[in-house]
Amino acid sequence: MKKILSSIFLLISMFASSQMLDPVNWTFSQKQVSETEIELIFQATIEDHFHLYSQFISNDGPTPTTFRFEESDFYQRVGETQEGSSIEAFDPIWETKLKYFEHKAVFKQKIKVLGKDPFIVKGEIDFIACDSSQCFFPLFL
């Protein structure tokens, strides 16, 4: 019974400590590209010793960083979300070669504005951040 309780307390403490750590900080901006196009810019600042995985991950690794945008009558996406240069190297946690970012990552999404009314772009960023011994699976809304 002691082993079971110890295991439960260990899991609870690991869960609690993982909830306090936030190794990736996101900032958002926009740039007017033309009269009808805006570029949305998503910048991730990544704590030292952590890395953020690319959108372009094989099935052998973690879930890739994913951008999901709510449908809107005010805009439409132009192409897919683009990302800056990533590192491609063997990842000891996943035991395969993966693409990831350290320190900073920039993602960009162009949208076409469909009217003159102001609007808000809503969506989610799903990502995984890891260091050499642990991973965090936050969902940013």
C-alpha atoms as a PDB file:
ATOM      1  CA  MET A   1       0.000   0.000   0.000  1.00  0.00           C
ATOM      2  CA  LYS A   2       2.925   2.364   0.776  1.00  0.00           C
ATOM      3  CA  LYS A   3       4.293   1.900  -2.754  1.00  0.00           C
ATOM      4  CA  ILE A   4       0.926   2.716  -4.298  1.00  0.00           C
ATOM      5  CA  LEU A   5       0.528   5.867  -2.181  1.00  0.00           C
ATOM      6  CA  SER A   6       4.119   6.914  -2.925  1.00  0.00           C
ATOM      7  CA  SER A   7       3.474   6.464  -6.641  1.00  0.00           C
ATOM      8  CA  ILE A   8       0.266   8.489  -6.455  1.00  0.00           C
ATOM      9  CA  PHE A   9       1.985  11.333  -4.577  1.00  0.00           C
ATOM     10  CA  LEU A  10       4.873  11.268  -7.044  1.00  0.00           C
ATOM     11  CA  LEU A  11       2.457  11.536  -9.977  1.00  0.00           C
ATOM     12  CA  ILE A  12       0.530  14.346  -8.277  1.00  0.00           C
ATOM     13  CA  SER A  13       3.726  16.284  -7.553  1.00  0.00           C
ATOM     14  CA  MET A  14       4.959  15.802 -11.135  1.00  0.00           C
ATOM     15  CA  PHE A  15       1.600  16.997 -12.492  1.00  0.00           C
ATOM     16  CA  ALA A  16       1.577  20.003 -10.146  1.00  0.00           C
ATOM     17  CA  SER A  17       5.131  21.014 -11.018  1.00  0.00           C
ATOM     18  CA  SER A  18       4.471  20.630 -14.749  1.00  0.00           C
ATOM     19  CA  GLN A  19       1.501  22.962 -14.447  1.00  0.00           C
ATOM     20  CA  MET A  20       3.718  25.712 -12.990  1.00  0.00           C
ATOM     21  CA  LEU A  21       6.398  25.583 -15.658  1.00  0.00           C
ATOM     22  CA  ASP A  22       5.676  27.444 -18.871  1.00  0.00           C
ATOM     23  CA  PRO A  23       8.765  27.082 -21.083  1.00  0.00           C
ATOM     24  CA  VAL A  24       7.268  28.825 -24.149  1.00  0.00           C
ATOM     25  CA  ASN A  25       5.944  32.387 -24.223  1.00  0.00           C
ATOM     26  CA  TRP A  26       3.906  33.449 -27.279  1.00  0.00           C
ATOM     27  CA  THR A  27       3.509  36.970 -28.678  1.00  0.00           C
ATOM     28  CA  PHE A  28       1.346  37.991 -31.622  1.00  0.00           C
ATOM     29  CA  SER A  29       1.558  40.806 -34.145  1.00  0.00           C
ATOM     30  CA  GLN A  30       0.362  41.624 -37.632  1.00  0.00           C
ATOM     31  CA  LYS A  31       1.715  43.317 -40.723  1.00  0.00           C
ATOM     32  CA  GLN A  32      -0.306  44.845 -43.551  1.00  0.00           C
ATOM     33  CA  VAL A  33       0.923  43.183 -46.766  1.00  0.00           C
ATOM     34  CA  SER A  34      -1.505  44.828 -49.185  1.00  0.00           C
ATOM     35  CA  GLU A  35      -4.873  46.544 -49.109  1.00  0.00           C
ATOM     36  CA  THR A  36      -6.597  43.176 -48.672  1.00  0.00           C
ATOM     37  CA  GLU A  37      -3.904  40.971 -47.090  1.00  0.00           C
ATOM     38  CA  ILE A  38      -2.529  40.836 -43.552  1.00  0.00           C
ATOM     39  CA  GLU A  39       0.308  38.670 -42.298  1.00  0.00           C
ATOM     40  CA  LEU A  40      -0.258  37.297 -38.801  1.00  0.00           C
ATOM     41  CA  ILE A  41       3.003  36.740 -36.916  1.00  0.00           C
ATOM     42  CA  PHE A  42       3.251  34.265 -34.025  1.00  0.00           C
ATOM     43  CA  GLN A  43       6.550  34.421 -32.140  1.00  0.00           C
ATOM     44  CA  ALA A  44       7.527  31.851 -29.534  1.00  0.00           C
ATOM     45  CA  THR A  45      10.230  32.678 -27.007  1.00  0.00           C
ATOM     46  CA  ILE A  46      11.594  29.385 -25.706  1.00  0.00           C
ATOM     47  CA  GLU A  47      13.402  29.017 -22.372  1.00  0.00           C
ATOM     48  CA  ASP A  48      17.021  27.838 -22.389  1.00  0.00           C
ATOM     49  CA  HIS A  49      17.456  24.059 -22.596  1.00  0.00           C
ATOM     50  CA  PHE A  50      13.933  23.636 -24.063  1.00  0.00           C
ATOM     51  CA  HIS A  51      12.902  23.228 -27.663  1.00  0.00           C
ATOM     52  CA  LEU A  52       9.636  23.585 -29.552  1.00  0.00           C
ATOM     53  CA  TYR A  53       8.847  21.089 -32.293  1.00  0.00           C
ATOM     54  CA  SER A  54       8.240  22.098 -35.899  1.00  0.00           C
ATOM     55  CA  GLN A  55       4.960  21.774 -37.780  1.00  0.00           C
ATOM     56  CA  PHE A  56       6.719  19.282 -40.017  1.00  0.00           C
ATOM     57  CA  ILE A  57       7.271  16.151 -37.934  1.00  0.00           C
ATOM     58  CA  SER A  58       7.162  12.569 -39.157  1.00  0.00           C
ATOM     59  CA  ASN A  59       4.812  10.043 -37.587  1.00  0.00           C
ATOM     60  CA  ASP A  60       7.719   8.646 -35.562  1.00  0.00           C
ATOM     61  CA  GLY A  61       7.929  11.679 -33.287  1.00  0.00           C
ATOM     62  CA  PRO A  62       5.812  13.976 -31.145  1.00  0.00           C
ATOM     63  CA  THR A  63       2.697  15.789 -32.249  1.00  0.00           C
ATOM     64  CA  PRO A  64       3.826  18.715 -34.412  1.00  0.00           C
ATOM     65  CA  THR A  65       3.082  22.350 -33.599  1.00  0.00           C
ATOM     66  CA  THR A  66      -0.362  22.958 -35.069  1.00  0.00           C
ATOM     67  CA  PHE A  67      -2.263  26.174 -35.801  1.00  0.00           C
ATOM     68  CA  ARG A  68      -6.058  25.938 -35.990  1.00  0.00           C
ATOM     69  CA  PHE A  69      -8.083  28.981 -37.034  1.00  0.00           C
ATOM     70  CA  GLU A  70     -11.829  29.411 -36.519  1.00  0.00           C
ATOM     71  CA  GLU A  71     -13.764  29.889 -39.741  1.00  0.00           C
ATOM     72  CA  SER A  72     -14.918  33.455 -40.339  1.00  0.00           C
ATOM     73  CA  ASP A  73     -16.960  35.491 -42.796  1.00  0.00           C
ATOM     74  CA  PHE A  74     -14.487  38.364 -42.302  1.00  0.00           C
ATOM     75  CA  TYR A  75     -11.304  36.724 -43.596  1.00  0.00           C
ATOM     76  CA  GLN A  76      -9.930  33.642 -45.256  1.00  0.00           C
ATOM     77  CA  ARG A  77      -6.530  32.029 -44.891  1.00  0.00           C
ATOM     78  CA  VAL A  78      -4.083  32.340 -47.779  1.00  0.00           C
ATOM     79  CA  GLY A  79      -1.962  29.208 -47.948  1.00  0.00           C
ATOM     80  CA  GLU A  80      -0.604  27.338 -44.959  1.00  0.00           C
ATOM     81  CA  THR A  81       1.148  28.645 -41.847  1.00  0.00           C
ATOM     82  CA  GLN A  82       4.844  29.185 -42.632  1.00  0.00           C
ATOM     83  CA  GLU A  83       7.696  28.756 -40.160  1.00  0.00           C
ATOM     84  CA  GLY A  84      11.253  30.064 -39.940  1.00  0.00           C
ATOM     85  CA  SER A  85      14.411  27.979 -40.139  1.00  0.00           C
ATOM     86  CA  SER A  86      14.476  25.060 -37.746  1.00  0.00           C
ATOM     87  CA  ILE A  87      17.160  22.751 -36.404  1.00  0.00           C
ATOM     88  CA  GLU A  88      17.089  19.193 -37.719  1.00  0.00           C
ATOM     89  CA  ALA A  89      18.860  16.727 -35.444  1.00  0.00           C
ATOM     90  CA  PHE A  90      18.519  13.442 -33.603  1.00  0.00           C
ATOM     91  CA  ASP A  91      16.190  13.826 -30.634  1.00  0.00           C
ATOM     92  CA  PRO A  92      17.090  11.499 -27.720  1.00  0.00           C
ATOM     93  CA  ILE A  93      13.610  11.686 -26.175  1.00  0.00           C
ATOM     94  CA  TRP A  94      11.843  10.457 -29.326  1.00  0.00           C
ATOM     95  CA  GLU A  95      14.841   8.495 -30.614  1.00  0.00           C
ATOM     96  CA  THR A  96      14.532   9.856 -34.161  1.00  0.00           C
ATOM     97  CA  LYS A  97      15.665  12.800 -36.287  1.00  0.00           C
ATOM     98  CA  LEU A  98      13.281  15.754 -35.797  1.00  0.00           C
ATOM     99  CA  LYS A  99      12.887  19.427 -36.666  1.00  0.00           C
ATOM    100  CA  TYR A 100      12.654  21.836 -33.732  1.00  0.00           C
ATOM    101  CA  PHE A 101      13.393  25.379 -32.539  1.00  0.00           C
ATOM    102  CA  GLU A 102      15.539  26.664 -29.688  1.00  0.00           C
ATOM    103  CA  HIS A 103      15.329  30.126 -28.075  1.00  0.00           C
ATOM    104  CA  LYS A 104      12.931  31.599 -30.672  1.00  0.00           C
ATOM    105  CA  ALA A 105      10.505  30.466 -33.369  1.00  0.00           C
ATOM    106  CA  VAL A 106       8.500  32.585 -35.796  1.00  0.00           C
ATOM    107  CA  PHE A 107       5.396  31.390 -37.635  1.00  0.00           C
ATOM    108  CA  LYS A 108       3.453  33.446 -40.202  1.00  0.00           C
ATOM    109  CA  GLN A 109      -0.006  33.097 -41.680  1.00  0.00           C
ATOM    110  CA  LYS A 110      -1.411  35.346 -44.408  1.00  0.00           C
ATOM    111  CA  ILE A 111      -5.104  36.130 -44.436  1.00  0.00           C
ATOM    112  CA  LYS A 112      -7.277  37.879 -47.008  1.00  0.00           C
ATOM    113  CA  VAL A 113      -9.653  40.474 -45.546  1.00  0.00           C
ATOM    114  CA  LEU A 114     -13.153  40.022 -46.995  1.00  0.00           C
ATOM    115  CA  GLY A 115     -14.768  43.277 -45.876  1.00  0.00           C
ATOM    116  CA  LYS A 116     -14.274  46.615 -44.177  1.00  0.00           C
ATOM    117  CA  ASP A 117     -15.651  45.700 -40.717  1.00  0.00           C
ATOM    118  CA  PRO A 118     -13.187  45.119 -37.860  1.00  0.00           C
ATOM    119  CA  PHE A 119     -12.786  41.508 -36.743  1.00  0.00           C
ATOM    120  CA  ILE A 120     -10.814  39.245 -34.423  1.00  0.00           C
ATOM    121  CA  VAL A 121      -8.930  36.163 -35.593  1.00  0.00           C
ATOM    122  CA  LYS A 122      -9.563  33.280 -33.196  1.00  0.00           C
ATOM    123  CA  GLY A 123      -7.847  29.945 -33.019  1.00  0.00           C
ATOM    124  CA  GLU A 124      -5.554  27.592 -31.133  1.00  0.00           C
ATOM    125  CA  ILE A 125      -1.891  26.683 -31.105  1.00  0.00           C
ATOM    126  CA  ASP A 126      -1.182  23.125 -30.048  1.00  0.00           C
ATOM    127  CA  PHE A 127       2.485  22.389 -29.299  1.00  0.00           C
ATOM    128  CA  ILE A 128       4.970  20.353 -27.299  1.00  0.00           C
ATOM    129  CA  ALA A 129       8.027  21.802 -25.535  1.00  0.00           C
ATOM    130  CA  CYS A 130      10.749  19.473 -24.246  1.00  0.00           C
ATOM    131  CA  ASP A 131      14.088  19.608 -22.497  1.00  0.00           C
ATOM    132  CA  SER A 132      16.447  16.643 -22.170  1.00  0.00           C
ATOM    133  CA  SER A 133      14.260  14.845 -19.617  1.00  0.00           C
ATOM    134  CA  GLN A 134      10.647  16.011 -19.818  1.00  0.00           C
ATOM    135  CA  CYS A 135       7.972  17.369 -22.159  1.00  0.00           C
ATOM    136  CA  PHE A 136       5.093  19.786 -21.641  1.00  0.00           C
ATOM    137  CA  PHE A 137       1.907  19.627 -23.680  1.00  0.00           C
ATOM    138  CA  PRO A 138       0.169  22.982 -23.266  1.00  0.00           C
ATOM    139  CA  LEU A 139      -2.668  24.113 -25.494  1.00  0.00           C
ATOM    140  CA  PHE A 140      -2.655  27.849 -26.102  1.00  0.00           C
ATOM    141  CA  LEU A 141      -5.963  29.464 -26.963  1.00  0.00           C
END
